[in-house]
Structures are given as structure tokens and as C-alpha cells.
Amino acid sequence: MIVGAVIWGIGIFAFALDLAPPNAAYIYSNYRNNKTSKS
């Protein structure tokens, strides 16, 4: 049971890492576009 929980936690962590970079890039590009369009 403990081993299963550890594997499940690693799976969730890997899933979050998989989602994070594109999300961060999207947010960053949005931030840059807003910044440049205002000034």
C-alpha cells in the first residue's frame, strides 16, 4: 500500500511537471505581450 502511494505520488508529480512548462511559457508570453502593448 505504501509503495502504491509513492508510485501514485510520483505519477502525479510527473504529470504536473509535464503540464507546467507549456503553462509557464503561455503565461510568460501573455505577460510579455501585455507589457509591450501597454508601453
Protein backbone atom coordinates (compact mmCIF):
# COMPACT_ATOMS: atom_id res chain seq x y z
CA MET A 1 0.00 0.00 0.00
CA ILE A 2 2.79 2.44 0.87
CA VAL A 3 4.65 1.58 -2.32
CA GLY A 4 1.49 2.15 -4.34
CA ALA A 5 1.02 5.56 -2.75
CA VAL A 6 4.62 6.50 -3.56
CA ILE A 7 4.22 5.44 -7.19
CA TRP A 8 0.92 7.35 -7.40
CA GLY A 9 2.59 10.46 -5.93
CA ILE A 10 5.45 10.23 -8.43
CA GLY A 11 2.92 9.86 -11.24
CA ILE A 12 1.07 13.00 -10.12
CA PHE A 13 4.37 14.87 -9.79
CA ALA A 14 5.47 13.82 -13.29
CA PHE A 15 2.05 14.83 -14.66
CA ALA A 16 2.34 18.26 -13.02
CA LEU A 17 5.87 18.70 -14.40
CA ASP A 18 4.58 17.73 -17.83
CA LEU A 19 1.91 20.46 -17.65
CA ALA A 20 4.00 23.16 -16.00
CA PRO A 21 6.49 24.22 -18.74
CA PRO A 22 3.92 24.91 -21.53
CA ASN A 23 1.69 26.64 -18.99
CA ALA A 24 4.56 28.82 -17.77
CA ALA A 25 5.58 29.66 -21.33
CA TYR A 26 2.00 30.61 -22.18
CA ILE A 27 1.66 32.82 -19.11
CA TYR A 28 5.07 34.40 -19.76
CA SER A 29 4.28 35.17 -23.40
CA ASN A 30 0.92 36.66 -22.37
CA TYR A 31 2.70 38.81 -19.78
CA ARG A 32 5.26 39.97 -22.36
CA ASN A 33 2.57 40.77 -24.93
CA ASN A 34 0.57 42.80 -22.39
CA LYS A 35 3.69 44.64 -21.26
CA THR A 36 4.78 45.59 -24.80
CA SER A 37 1.29 46.60 -25.96
CA LYS A 38 0.84 48.97 -22.99
CA SER A 39 4.17 50.77 -23.42
